[in-house]
Amino acid sequence: MKLSRRTTTAAALTVLALGGTVAATAPASAATTTKAAAATATYNGACGTGYKVIDSTPVGNVGKVFLTWNESTGKNCAVTIRNTPGAKIFMAVELNIDIDEEHNPVVDSGQYTSYAGPVYMSARGYCAVWQGVIGTAKGGDSGHCG
């Protein structure tokens, strides 16, 4: 009798544990997926007046790097923005121009809660190259010749 009661109790606890785990994780993971899909970085105006977003590139699934252009000054600006601000994390933004000779990029990096940058570069007559980093995620692109 003791053996069958222990077996039944153990089986019931196993079913409850597995059922509880499935019940507890299914809605939470669905909510997390929905929340993550809903939270996407938007340009925050950090580059200032006169700058229009001309491109953006995902930085993994945690943010975006935005490339902007100011027609009147002939400058590009770039900023890396997290989907959702949080604790400080390593973030970076890099902007350069695509030319045949070596050229130094402009970079802003450090421990930030929501965005890195802005960084600016005169780019009239050149093509832009930009990159963003958030934690270990990276993203970048090139193009938009001014």
Protein backbone atom coordinates (compact mmCIF):
# COMPACT_ATOMS: atom_id res chain seq x y z
CA MET A 1 0.00 0.00 0.00
CA LYS A 2 2.80 2.41 0.89
CA LEU A 3 4.58 1.68 -2.37
CA SER A 4 1.53 2.34 -4.56
CA ARG A 5 0.72 5.56 -2.65
CA ARG A 6 4.32 6.78 -3.14
CA THR A 7 4.22 5.89 -6.82
CA THR A 8 0.88 7.63 -7.28
CA THR A 9 2.08 10.69 -5.36
CA ALA A 10 5.33 10.82 -7.34
CA ALA A 11 3.46 10.48 -10.63
CA ALA A 12 0.99 13.20 -9.62
CA LEU A 13 3.81 15.54 -8.61
CA THR A 14 5.61 14.90 -11.90
CA VAL A 15 2.45 15.67 -13.90
CA LEU A 16 1.83 18.81 -11.85
CA ALA A 17 5.42 19.94 -12.21
CA LEU A 18 5.47 19.40 -15.96
CA GLY A 19 2.00 20.85 -16.43
CA GLY A 20 2.89 23.83 -14.26
CA THR A 21 6.08 24.39 -16.21
CA VAL A 22 4.30 24.24 -19.53
CA ALA A 23 1.47 26.43 -18.30
CA ALA A 24 3.87 28.92 -16.74
CA THR A 25 6.24 29.18 -19.69
CA ALA A 26 3.89 29.12 -22.65
CA PRO A 27 2.07 32.39 -21.93
CA ALA A 28 5.24 34.09 -20.68
CA SER A 29 7.23 33.24 -23.81
CA ALA A 30 4.32 34.29 -26.00
CA ALA A 31 4.10 37.59 -24.10
CA THR A 32 7.87 38.09 -24.39
CA THR A 33 7.75 37.48 -28.13
CA THR A 34 4.88 39.91 -28.55
CA LYS A 35 6.59 42.52 -26.38
CA ALA A 36 9.89 42.13 -28.25
CA ALA A 37 8.14 42.41 -31.60
CA ALA A 38 6.34 45.55 -30.46
CA ALA A 39 9.47 47.27 -29.14
CA THR A 40 11.60 48.58 -32.00
CA ALA A 41 13.98 51.49 -31.94
CA THR A 42 12.82 54.73 -33.49
CA TYR A 43 14.99 57.69 -34.38
CA ASN A 44 15.19 60.08 -31.41
CA GLY A 45 16.25 63.32 -33.14
CA ALA A 46 19.71 63.19 -31.54
CA CYS A 47 21.46 64.56 -34.65
CA GLY A 48 19.57 67.84 -34.41
CA THR A 49 17.68 70.19 -36.67
CA GLY A 50 17.90 69.67 -40.42
CA TYR A 51 18.90 65.99 -40.28
CA LYS A 52 16.59 63.53 -42.04
CA VAL A 53 16.78 59.75 -41.62
CA ILE A 54 17.94 58.23 -44.91
CA ASP A 55 18.57 54.68 -43.71
CA SER A 56 18.55 52.39 -40.69
CA THR A 57 20.09 49.01 -40.09
CA PRO A 58 19.12 46.48 -37.39
CA VAL A 59 21.66 45.84 -34.64
CA GLY A 60 20.83 42.22 -33.96
CA ASN A 61 17.34 42.20 -32.47
CA VAL A 62 18.15 44.77 -29.78
CA GLY A 63 18.15 48.06 -31.68
CA LYS A 64 19.03 49.98 -34.84
CA VAL A 65 21.72 52.27 -36.14
CA PHE A 66 20.27 55.28 -37.97
CA LEU A 67 22.00 57.23 -40.74
CA THR A 68 20.84 60.80 -41.28
CA TRP A 69 21.73 63.51 -43.79
CA ASN A 70 21.64 67.30 -43.64
CA GLU A 71 21.44 68.67 -47.18
CA SER A 72 22.34 72.24 -46.20
CA THR A 73 25.57 71.28 -44.37
CA GLY A 74 26.53 68.24 -46.47
CA LYS A 75 27.01 66.17 -43.31
CA ASN A 76 25.93 62.68 -42.33
CA CYS A 77 25.12 61.79 -38.74
CA ALA A 78 24.72 58.36 -37.19
CA VAL A 79 23.27 57.18 -33.88
CA THR A 80 22.76 53.68 -32.43
CA ILE A 81 19.51 53.29 -30.45
CA ARG A 82 18.32 50.41 -28.26
CA ASN A 83 14.80 49.05 -28.66
CA THR A 84 14.17 49.55 -24.95
CA PRO A 85 16.40 51.53 -22.59
CA GLY A 86 17.78 49.59 -19.65
CA ALA A 87 20.86 49.10 -17.55
CA LYS A 88 24.12 50.44 -18.94
CA ILE A 89 25.58 48.23 -21.66
CA PHE A 90 28.42 48.66 -24.14
CA MET A 91 27.16 50.57 -27.15
CA ALA A 92 28.93 52.15 -30.11
CA VAL A 93 28.29 53.99 -33.34
CA GLU A 94 30.82 54.47 -36.14
CA LEU A 95 30.57 56.64 -39.24
CA ASN A 96 33.02 56.85 -42.12
CA ILE A 97 33.17 57.69 -45.80
CA ASP A 98 33.99 55.17 -48.52
CA ILE A 99 37.07 56.42 -50.37
CA ASP A 100 40.09 54.71 -51.93
CA GLU A 101 42.55 56.06 -49.36
CA GLU A 102 42.62 55.46 -45.63
CA HIS A 103 40.24 57.66 -43.68
CA ASN A 104 39.62 57.85 -39.94
CA PRO A 105 36.09 56.98 -38.80
CA VAL A 106 34.25 59.00 -36.17
CA VAL A 107 33.26 56.80 -33.23
CA ASP A 108 31.33 57.14 -30.00
CA SER A 109 31.40 54.19 -27.62
CA GLY A 110 30.88 53.52 -23.96
CA GLN A 111 28.43 52.24 -21.38
CA TYR A 112 25.03 53.71 -22.24
CA THR A 113 21.40 53.10 -21.26
CA SER A 114 19.60 54.04 -24.49
CA TYR A 115 21.81 55.31 -27.34
CA ALA A 116 25.36 55.94 -28.58
CA GLY A 117 26.21 59.01 -30.60
CA PRO A 118 25.51 61.13 -32.41
CA VAL A 119 28.61 61.25 -34.60
CA TYR A 120 29.00 63.56 -37.61
CA MET A 121 31.08 63.57 -40.78
CA SER A 122 31.26 65.83 -43.83
CA ALA A 123 30.23 63.58 -46.68
CA ARG A 124 29.22 65.68 -49.68
CA GLY A 125 30.44 63.78 -52.74
CA TYR A 126 31.19 60.60 -50.77
CA CYS A 127 29.37 57.42 -49.80
CA ALA A 128 28.69 56.72 -46.13
CA VAL A 129 29.70 53.63 -44.16
CA TRP A 130 28.05 53.15 -40.76
CA GLN A 131 27.98 50.56 -37.97
CA GLY A 132 26.31 50.13 -34.60
CA VAL A 133 27.02 47.86 -31.65
CA ILE A 134 24.82 47.01 -28.66
CA GLY A 135 26.39 44.48 -26.32
CA THR A 136 27.58 41.72 -28.65
CA ALA A 137 25.13 42.52 -31.47
CA LYS A 138 26.43 44.41 -34.51
CA GLY A 139 24.89 45.88 -37.63
CA GLY A 140 26.00 48.19 -40.37
CA ASP A 141 25.81 49.08 -44.03
CA SER A 142 27.13 51.44 -46.68
CA GLY A 143 25.78 53.57 -49.48
CA HIS A 144 23.91 56.89 -49.75
CA CYS A 145 26.42 58.88 -51.71
CA GLY A 146 25.98 62.60 -51.10
